[in-house]
């Protein structure tokens, strides 16, 4: 029996567990596997926006599970991921067999080439942003405080500067320590921890526990679905 570990990626939380984006990728996986005898050991969903990039977590969890069970890593979509440096590098260095449903002929050489291209594109974009910010900074020095859309920049303490005039968001203002305190006293977290601690005693995997919490409609402190990583963090507090 062929063993698979599935990896999906969606751009926003709204495309998460019940969204069209994830359903389309799951359909691609089902179509690829077909009627062949197979076992899906785990499914990992990476949720991120295009504007607030964060370090990938689920791709490494998926690779770890595939390695542990000598399974094939099944990537639902390669097309949009091919320009992501971290993803292509992780896949290239994984040391596991992988298949991309939307590009079954892709191999390690393909991924290596995509990684080089992705790294180059990332550098080009970075330089472009730095140049644009430098130009805007010079415009501010000259007293030109009009944005591209014609709106006027808002001063902060009487000065015009780059960035959000409203400053950091609420979570950044609270600080790391305060966030930890809120997480520890959050009602949803406390309830979920009881299930997690009990489930781990029954040797359930992190993915199985996350699936159980989600099926029971538990959500994280920020109202999101549970992932193996979040389950692991709460388990450390048991």
C-alpha atoms as a PDB file:
ATOM      1  CA  UNK A   1       0.000   0.000   0.000  1.00  0.00           C
ATOM      2  CA  UNK A   2       1.358   3.402  -1.020  1.00  0.00           C
ATOM      3  CA  UNK A   3       1.637   5.909   1.844  1.00  0.00           C
ATOM      4  CA  UNK A   4       1.193   9.652   1.325  1.00  0.00           C
ATOM      5  CA  UNK A   5       1.552  12.840   3.340  1.00  0.00           C
ATOM      6  CA  UNK A   6      -0.405  15.714   1.774  1.00  0.00           C
ATOM      7  CA  UNK A   7       0.627  19.377   1.797  1.00  0.00           C
ATOM      8  CA  UNK A   8      -1.721  22.234   0.881  1.00  0.00           C
ATOM      9  CA  UNK A   9      -1.238  25.970   0.817  1.00  0.00           C
ATOM     10  CA  UNK A  10      -3.888  28.713   0.800  1.00  0.00           C
ATOM     11  CA  UNK A  11      -3.438  32.464   0.808  1.00  0.00           C
ATOM     12  CA  UNK A  12      -5.924  33.548   3.472  1.00  0.00           C
ATOM     13  CA  UNK A  13      -7.691  32.157   6.525  1.00  0.00           C
ATOM     14  CA  UNK A  14     -11.004  32.369   4.628  1.00  0.00           C
ATOM     15  CA  UNK A  15      -9.627  29.819   2.174  1.00  0.00           C
ATOM     16  CA  UNK A  16      -8.775  27.508   5.077  1.00  0.00           C
ATOM     17  CA  UNK A  17     -10.407  24.271   6.169  1.00  0.00           C
ATOM     18  CA  UNK A  18     -13.740  24.861   4.398  1.00  0.00           C
ATOM     19  CA  UNK A  19     -12.722  27.266   1.624  1.00  0.00           C
ATOM     20  CA  UNK A  20     -12.819  26.758  -2.128  1.00  0.00           C
ATOM     21  CA  UNK A  21      -9.034  26.987  -2.405  1.00  0.00           C
ATOM     22  CA  UNK A  22      -8.364  24.064  -0.098  1.00  0.00           C
ATOM     23  CA  UNK A  23     -11.205  21.986  -1.517  1.00  0.00           C
ATOM     24  CA  UNK A  24      -9.803  22.398  -5.030  1.00  0.00           C
ATOM     25  CA  UNK A  25      -6.397  21.170  -3.844  1.00  0.00           C
ATOM     26  CA  UNK A  26      -7.915  18.215  -1.988  1.00  0.00           C
ATOM     27  CA  UNK A  27      -9.843  17.288  -5.140  1.00  0.00           C
ATOM     28  CA  UNK A  28      -6.566  17.355  -7.079  1.00  0.00           C
ATOM     29  CA  UNK A  29      -5.041  14.937  -4.552  1.00  0.00           C
ATOM     30  CA  UNK A  30      -8.041  12.584  -4.750  1.00  0.00           C
ATOM     31  CA  UNK A  31      -7.927  12.691  -8.543  1.00  0.00           C
ATOM     32  CA  UNK A  32      -4.193  11.921  -8.581  1.00  0.00           C
ATOM     33  CA  UNK A  33      -4.434   8.985  -6.163  1.00  0.00           C
ATOM     34  CA  UNK A  34      -7.490   7.585  -7.968  1.00  0.00           C
ATOM     35  CA  UNK A  35      -8.643   4.117  -6.988  1.00  0.00           C
ATOM     36  CA  UNK A  36      -5.165   2.852  -6.126  1.00  0.00           C
ATOM     37  CA  UNK A  37      -4.725   1.311  -2.700  1.00  0.00           C
ATOM     38  CA  UNK A  38      -3.173   4.024  -0.602  1.00  0.00           C
ATOM     39  CA  UNK A  39      -3.089   5.515   2.867  1.00  0.00           C
ATOM     40  CA  UNK A  40      -2.973   9.231   3.687  1.00  0.00           C
ATOM     41  CA  UNK A  41      -0.971   9.526   6.908  1.00  0.00           C
ATOM     42  CA  UNK A  42      -1.551  13.226   7.389  1.00  0.00           C
ATOM     43  CA  UNK A  43      -2.655  16.473   5.783  1.00  0.00           C
ATOM     44  CA  UNK A  44      -0.885  19.774   6.421  1.00  0.00           C
ATOM     45  CA  UNK A  45      -2.374  23.151   5.509  1.00  0.00           C
ATOM     46  CA  UNK A  46      -0.196  26.266   5.291  1.00  0.00           C
ATOM     47  CA  UNK A  47      -2.269  29.440   5.644  1.00  0.00           C
ATOM     48  CA  UNK A  48      -0.635  32.773   4.889  1.00  0.00           C
ATOM     49  CA  UNK A  49      -1.323  36.065   3.176  1.00  0.00           C
ATOM     50  CA  UNK A  50       0.654  37.445   0.297  1.00  0.00           C
ATOM     51  CA  UNK A  51       1.400  40.674   2.140  1.00  0.00           C
ATOM     52  CA  UNK A  52       2.408  39.357   5.569  1.00  0.00           C
ATOM     53  CA  UNK A  53       4.850  36.554   4.914  1.00  0.00           C
ATOM     54  CA  UNK A  54       5.767  34.322   7.809  1.00  0.00           C
ATOM     55  CA  UNK A  55       8.150  31.456   8.121  1.00  0.00           C
ATOM     56  CA  UNK A  56       6.628  28.235   6.860  1.00  0.00           C
ATOM     57  CA  UNK A  57       5.891  25.626   9.503  1.00  0.00           C
ATOM     58  CA  UNK A  58       3.619  23.010   7.974  1.00  0.00           C
ATOM     59  CA  UNK A  59       5.931  22.086   5.071  1.00  0.00           C
ATOM     60  CA  UNK A  60       8.572  20.987   7.595  1.00  0.00           C
ATOM     61  CA  UNK A  61       5.999  19.065   9.642  1.00  0.00           C
ATOM     62  CA  UNK A  62       4.840  17.316   6.471  1.00  0.00           C
ATOM     63  CA  UNK A  63       8.416  16.430   5.478  1.00  0.00           C
ATOM     64  CA  UNK A  64       9.158  15.115   8.976  1.00  0.00           C
ATOM     65  CA  UNK A  65       6.104  12.820   8.927  1.00  0.00           C
ATOM     66  CA  UNK A  66       6.950  11.584   5.413  1.00  0.00           C
ATOM     67  CA  UNK A  67      10.524  10.772   6.456  1.00  0.00           C
ATOM     68  CA  UNK A  68       9.415   8.996   9.605  1.00  0.00           C
ATOM     69  CA  UNK A  69       7.033   6.721   7.710  1.00  0.00           C
ATOM     70  CA  UNK A  70       8.948   6.386   4.434  1.00  0.00           C
ATOM     71  CA  UNK A  71       5.971   7.990   2.706  1.00  0.00           C
ATOM     72  CA  UNK A  72       5.632  10.120  -0.422  1.00  0.00           C
ATOM     73  CA  UNK A  73       5.098  13.839   0.074  1.00  0.00           C
ATOM     74  CA  UNK A  74       2.129  14.826  -2.092  1.00  0.00           C
ATOM     75  CA  UNK A  75       2.074  18.543  -2.960  1.00  0.00           C
ATOM     76  CA  UNK A  76      -1.308  19.626  -4.316  1.00  0.00           C
ATOM     77  CA  UNK A  77      -0.149  22.718  -6.198  1.00  0.00           C
ATOM     78  CA  UNK A  78       3.315  23.636  -7.393  1.00  0.00           C
ATOM     79  CA  UNK A  79       2.420  26.491  -9.752  1.00  0.00           C
ATOM     80  CA  UNK A  80       1.983  29.294  -7.163  1.00  0.00           C
ATOM     81  CA  UNK A  81       4.521  27.793  -4.754  1.00  0.00           C
ATOM     82  CA  UNK A  82       7.297  27.602  -7.350  1.00  0.00           C
ATOM     83  CA  UNK A  83       8.293  31.230  -6.686  1.00  0.00           C
ATOM     84  CA  UNK A  84       8.588  30.717  -2.933  1.00  0.00           C
ATOM     85  CA  UNK A  85      12.256  30.406  -1.963  1.00  0.00           C
ATOM     86  CA  UNK A  86      11.654  28.716   1.387  1.00  0.00           C
ATOM     87  CA  UNK A  87       9.231  26.171  -0.073  1.00  0.00           C
ATOM     88  CA  UNK A  88      11.391  25.161  -3.033  1.00  0.00           C
ATOM     89  CA  UNK A  89      14.507  24.955  -0.855  1.00  0.00           C
ATOM     90  CA  UNK A  90      12.707  22.818   1.731  1.00  0.00           C
ATOM     91  CA  UNK A  91      11.384  20.487  -0.957  1.00  0.00           C
ATOM     92  CA  UNK A  92      14.771  20.214  -2.681  1.00  0.00           C
ATOM     93  CA  UNK A  93      16.600  19.392   0.566  1.00  0.00           C
ATOM     94  CA  UNK A  94      13.848  17.174   1.984  1.00  0.00           C
ATOM     95  CA  UNK A  95      15.407  13.833   1.128  1.00  0.00           C
ATOM     96  CA  UNK A  96      11.952  12.325   0.589  1.00  0.00           C
ATOM     97  CA  UNK A  97      10.076  11.210  -2.500  1.00  0.00           C
ATOM     98  CA  UNK A  98       7.605  13.858  -3.614  1.00  0.00           C
ATOM     99  CA  UNK A  99       4.939  14.298  -6.270  1.00  0.00           C
ATOM    100  CA  UNK A 100       3.290  17.525  -7.398  1.00  0.00           C
ATOM    101  CA  UNK A 101      -0.309  16.849  -8.468  1.00  0.00           C
ATOM    102  CA  UNK A 102      -0.433  19.733 -10.957  1.00  0.00           C
ATOM    103  CA  UNK A 103       3.021  18.874 -12.349  1.00  0.00           C
ATOM    104  CA  UNK A 104       3.654  15.112 -11.899  1.00  0.00           C
ATOM    105  CA  UNK A 105       6.801  15.218 -14.054  1.00  0.00           C
ATOM    106  CA  UNK A 106       8.551  17.636 -11.678  1.00  0.00           C
ATOM    107  CA  UNK A 107      11.674  16.139 -10.103  1.00  0.00           C
ATOM    108  CA  UNK A 108      14.549  17.266  -7.885  1.00  0.00           C
ATOM    109  CA  UNK A 109      16.259  19.037 -10.793  1.00  0.00           C
ATOM    110  CA  UNK A 110      13.042  20.907 -11.588  1.00  0.00           C
ATOM    111  CA  UNK A 111      12.758  22.022  -7.973  1.00  0.00           C
ATOM    112  CA  UNK A 112      16.400  23.120  -7.903  1.00  0.00           C
ATOM    113  CA  UNK A 113      15.900  25.280 -10.992  1.00  0.00           C
ATOM    114  CA  UNK A 114      12.705  26.735  -9.547  1.00  0.00           C
ATOM    115  CA  UNK A 115      14.530  27.502  -6.306  1.00  0.00           C
ATOM    116  CA  UNK A 116      17.237  29.451  -8.157  1.00  0.00           C
ATOM    117  CA  UNK A 117      14.602  31.388 -10.098  1.00  0.00           C
ATOM    118  CA  UNK A 118      12.597  32.062  -6.929  1.00  0.00           C
ATOM    119  CA  UNK A 119      15.665  33.359  -5.098  1.00  0.00           C
ATOM    120  CA  UNK A 120      16.481  35.689  -7.985  1.00  0.00           C
ATOM    121  CA  UNK A 121      12.899  36.992  -8.132  1.00  0.00           C
ATOM    122  CA  UNK A 122      12.890  37.584  -4.381  1.00  0.00           C
ATOM    123  CA  UNK A 123      16.099  39.616  -4.666  1.00  0.00           C
ATOM    124  CA  UNK A 124      14.709  41.657  -7.566  1.00  0.00           C
ATOM    125  CA  UNK A 125      11.517  42.408  -5.613  1.00  0.00           C
ATOM    126  CA  UNK A 126      13.519  43.324  -2.497  1.00  0.00           C
ATOM    127  CA  UNK A 127      15.705  45.763  -4.463  1.00  0.00           C
ATOM    128  CA  UNK A 128      12.641  47.261  -6.125  1.00  0.00           C
ATOM    129  CA  UNK A 129      10.973  47.899  -2.754  1.00  0.00           C
ATOM    130  CA  UNK A 130      14.167  49.409  -1.285  1.00  0.00           C
ATOM    131  CA  UNK A 131      14.496  51.741  -4.290  1.00  0.00           C
ATOM    132  CA  UNK A 132      10.855  52.811  -4.016  1.00  0.00           C
ATOM    133  CA  UNK A 133      11.203  53.539  -0.294  1.00  0.00           C
ATOM    134  CA  UNK A 134      14.397  55.523  -0.905  1.00  0.00           C
ATOM    135  CA  UNK A 135      12.572  57.646  -3.485  1.00  0.00           C
ATOM    136  CA  UNK A 136       9.668  58.224  -1.093  1.00  0.00           C
ATOM    137  CA  UNK A 137      12.090  59.183   1.675  1.00  0.00           C
ATOM    138  CA  UNK A 138      13.690  61.787  -0.569  1.00  0.00           C
ATOM    139  CA  UNK A 139      10.254  63.142  -1.489  1.00  0.00           C
ATOM    140  CA  UNK A 140       9.420  63.546   2.203  1.00  0.00           C
ATOM    141  CA  UNK A 141      12.686  65.458   2.744  1.00  0.00           C
ATOM    142  CA  UNK A 142      11.664  67.808  -0.056  1.00  0.00           C
ATOM    143  CA  UNK A 143       8.265  68.344   1.526  1.00  0.00           C
ATOM    144  CA  UNK A 144       6.315  66.255  -0.952  1.00  0.00           C
ATOM    145  CA  UNK A 145       3.843  64.427   1.271  1.00  0.00           C
ATOM    146  CA  UNK A 146       1.290  63.220  -1.274  1.00  0.00           C
ATOM    147  CA  UNK A 147       0.822  59.453  -1.743  1.00  0.00           C
ATOM    148  CA  UNK A 148       0.394  57.650  -5.053  1.00  0.00           C
ATOM    149  CA  UNK A 149      -3.397  57.613  -4.684  1.00  0.00           C
ATOM    150  CA  UNK A 150      -3.461  61.375  -4.171  1.00  0.00           C
ATOM    151  CA  UNK A 151      -4.051  61.224  -0.424  1.00  0.00           C
ATOM    152  CA  UNK A 152      -1.916  63.235   1.965  1.00  0.00           C
ATOM    153  CA  UNK A 153       0.426  61.500   4.390  1.00  0.00           C
ATOM    154  CA  UNK A 154      -0.438  61.786   8.089  1.00  0.00           C
ATOM    155  CA  UNK A 155       2.214  63.211  10.411  1.00  0.00           C
ATOM    156  CA  UNK A 156       3.349  61.361  13.547  1.00  0.00           C
ATOM    157  CA  UNK A 157       4.281  63.689  16.414  1.00  0.00           C
ATOM    158  CA  UNK A 158       4.529  66.494  13.882  1.00  0.00           C
ATOM    159  CA  UNK A 159       6.864  64.542  11.553  1.00  0.00           C
ATOM    160  CA  UNK A 160       6.276  62.702   8.304  1.00  0.00           C
ATOM    161  CA  UNK A 161       7.868  59.266   8.025  1.00  0.00           C
ATOM    162  CA  UNK A 162       7.622  55.954   6.209  1.00  0.00           C
ATOM    163  CA  UNK A 163       5.351  53.240   7.575  1.00  0.00           C
ATOM    164  CA  UNK A 164       1.937  53.100   9.186  1.00  0.00           C
ATOM    165  CA  UNK A 165       1.124  56.414  10.905  1.00  0.00           C
ATOM    166  CA  UNK A 166      -1.049  54.499  13.382  1.00  0.00           C
ATOM    167  CA  UNK A 167       1.966  52.562  14.615  1.00  0.00           C
ATOM    168  CA  UNK A 168       1.981  48.898  15.656  1.00  0.00           C
ATOM    169  CA  UNK A 169      -1.123  46.771  15.945  1.00  0.00           C
ATOM    170  CA  UNK A 170      -2.642  45.761  19.262  1.00  0.00           C
ATOM    171  CA  UNK A 171      -0.666  42.513  19.596  1.00  0.00           C
ATOM    172  CA  UNK A 172       2.694  44.207  18.964  1.00  0.00           C
ATOM    173  CA  UNK A 173       1.853  46.838  21.560  1.00  0.00           C
ATOM    174  CA  UNK A 174       1.069  44.225  24.161  1.00  0.00           C
ATOM    175  CA  UNK A 175       4.504  42.714  23.845  1.00  0.00           C
ATOM    176  CA  UNK A 176       5.584  39.085  23.798  1.00  0.00           C
ATOM    177  CA  UNK A 177       5.196  38.534  27.543  1.00  0.00           C
ATOM    178  CA  UNK A 178       1.657  39.888  27.642  1.00  0.00           C
ATOM    179  CA  UNK A 179       0.686  37.723  24.669  1.00  0.00           C
ATOM    180  CA  UNK A 180       1.951  34.629  26.522  1.00  0.00           C
ATOM    181  CA  UNK A 181      -0.068  35.614  29.598  1.00  0.00           C
ATOM    182  CA  UNK A 182      -3.231  35.994  27.528  1.00  0.00           C
ATOM    183  CA  UNK A 183      -2.622  32.656  25.827  1.00  0.00           C
ATOM    184  CA  UNK A 184      -2.186  30.897  29.183  1.00  0.00           C
ATOM    185  CA  UNK A 185      -5.437  32.279  30.627  1.00  0.00           C
ATOM    186  CA  UNK A 186      -7.532  32.024  27.459  1.00  0.00           C
ATOM    187  CA  UNK A 187     -10.658  29.884  27.990  1.00  0.00           C
ATOM    188  CA  UNK A 188     -10.423  28.209  24.559  1.00  0.00           C
ATOM    189  CA  UNK A 189      -6.800  27.235  25.170  1.00  0.00           C
ATOM    190  CA  UNK A 190      -7.559  25.806  28.621  1.00  0.00           C
ATOM    191  CA  UNK A 191     -10.421  23.665  27.286  1.00  0.00           C
ATOM    192  CA  UNK A 192      -8.337  22.485  24.326  1.00  0.00           C
ATOM    193  CA  UNK A 193      -5.428  21.576  26.622  1.00  0.00           C
ATOM    194  CA  UNK A 194      -7.606  19.096  28.521  1.00  0.00           C
ATOM    195  CA  UNK A 195      -8.379  17.264  25.284  1.00  0.00           C
ATOM    196  CA  UNK A 196      -4.774  17.459  24.064  1.00  0.00           C
ATOM    197  CA  UNK A 197      -3.283  16.045  27.280  1.00  0.00           C
ATOM    198  CA  UNK A 198      -5.805  13.209  27.337  1.00  0.00           C
ATOM    199  CA  UNK A 199      -5.330  12.432  23.628  1.00  0.00           C
ATOM    200  CA  UNK A 200      -1.536  12.311  23.911  1.00  0.00           C
ATOM    201  CA  UNK A 201      -1.878   9.715  26.687  1.00  0.00           C
ATOM    202  CA  UNK A 202      -3.768   7.635  24.116  1.00  0.00           C
ATOM    203  CA  UNK A 203      -0.800   8.035  21.709  1.00  0.00           C
ATOM    204  CA  UNK A 204      -2.773  10.127  19.224  1.00  0.00           C
ATOM    205  CA  UNK A 205      -0.601  12.094  16.799  1.00  0.00           C
ATOM    206  CA  UNK A 206      -0.553  15.886  16.753  1.00  0.00           C
ATOM    207  CA  UNK A 207      -2.410  15.856  13.427  1.00  0.00           C
ATOM    208  CA  UNK A 208      -5.101  13.532  14.803  1.00  0.00           C
ATOM    209  CA  UNK A 209      -5.551  15.776  17.838  1.00  0.00           C
ATOM    210  CA  UNK A 210      -5.792  18.882  15.647  1.00  0.00           C
ATOM    211  CA  UNK A 211      -8.422  17.144  13.491  1.00  0.00           C
ATOM    212  CA  UNK A 212     -10.354  16.165  16.624  1.00  0.00           C
ATOM    213  CA  UNK A 213     -10.322  19.711  18.020  1.00  0.00           C
ATOM    214  CA  UNK A 214     -11.435  21.122  14.679  1.00  0.00           C
ATOM    215  CA  UNK A 215     -14.228  18.533  14.347  1.00  0.00           C
ATOM    216  CA  UNK A 216     -15.451  19.561  17.816  1.00  0.00           C
ATOM    217  CA  UNK A 217     -15.408  23.186  16.565  1.00  0.00           C
ATOM    218  CA  UNK A 218     -12.708  24.332  18.968  1.00  0.00           C
ATOM    219  CA  UNK A 219     -10.758  27.358  17.784  1.00  0.00           C
ATOM    220  CA  UNK A 220      -7.490  28.968  18.827  1.00  0.00           C
ATOM    221  CA  UNK A 221      -7.286  32.133  20.884  1.00  0.00           C
ATOM    222  CA  UNK A 222      -7.414  34.128  17.642  1.00  0.00           C
ATOM    223  CA  UNK A 223     -10.397  32.231  16.294  1.00  0.00           C
ATOM    224  CA  UNK A 224      -8.495  30.008  13.844  1.00  0.00           C
ATOM    225  CA  UNK A 225      -8.545  26.248  13.275  1.00  0.00           C
ATOM    226  CA  UNK A 226      -5.984  24.084  15.085  1.00  0.00           C
ATOM    227  CA  UNK A 227      -2.809  22.810  13.407  1.00  0.00           C
ATOM    228  CA  UNK A 228      -0.283  20.226  14.722  1.00  0.00           C
ATOM    229  CA  UNK A 229       2.097  23.074  15.613  1.00  0.00           C
ATOM    230  CA  UNK A 230      -0.502  24.826  17.792  1.00  0.00           C
ATOM    231  CA  UNK A 231      -1.391  21.504  19.424  1.00  0.00           C
ATOM    232  CA  UNK A 232       2.302  20.919  20.198  1.00  0.00           C
ATOM    233  CA  UNK A 233       2.650  24.345  21.830  1.00  0.00           C
ATOM    234  CA  UNK A 234      -0.342  23.736  24.096  1.00  0.00           C
ATOM    235  CA  UNK A 235       0.835  20.219  24.929  1.00  0.00           C
ATOM    236  CA  UNK A 236       4.088  21.624  26.321  1.00  0.00           C
ATOM    237  CA  UNK A 237       1.973  23.439  28.933  1.00  0.00           C
ATOM    238  CA  UNK A 238       0.231  20.268  30.124  1.00  0.00           C
END
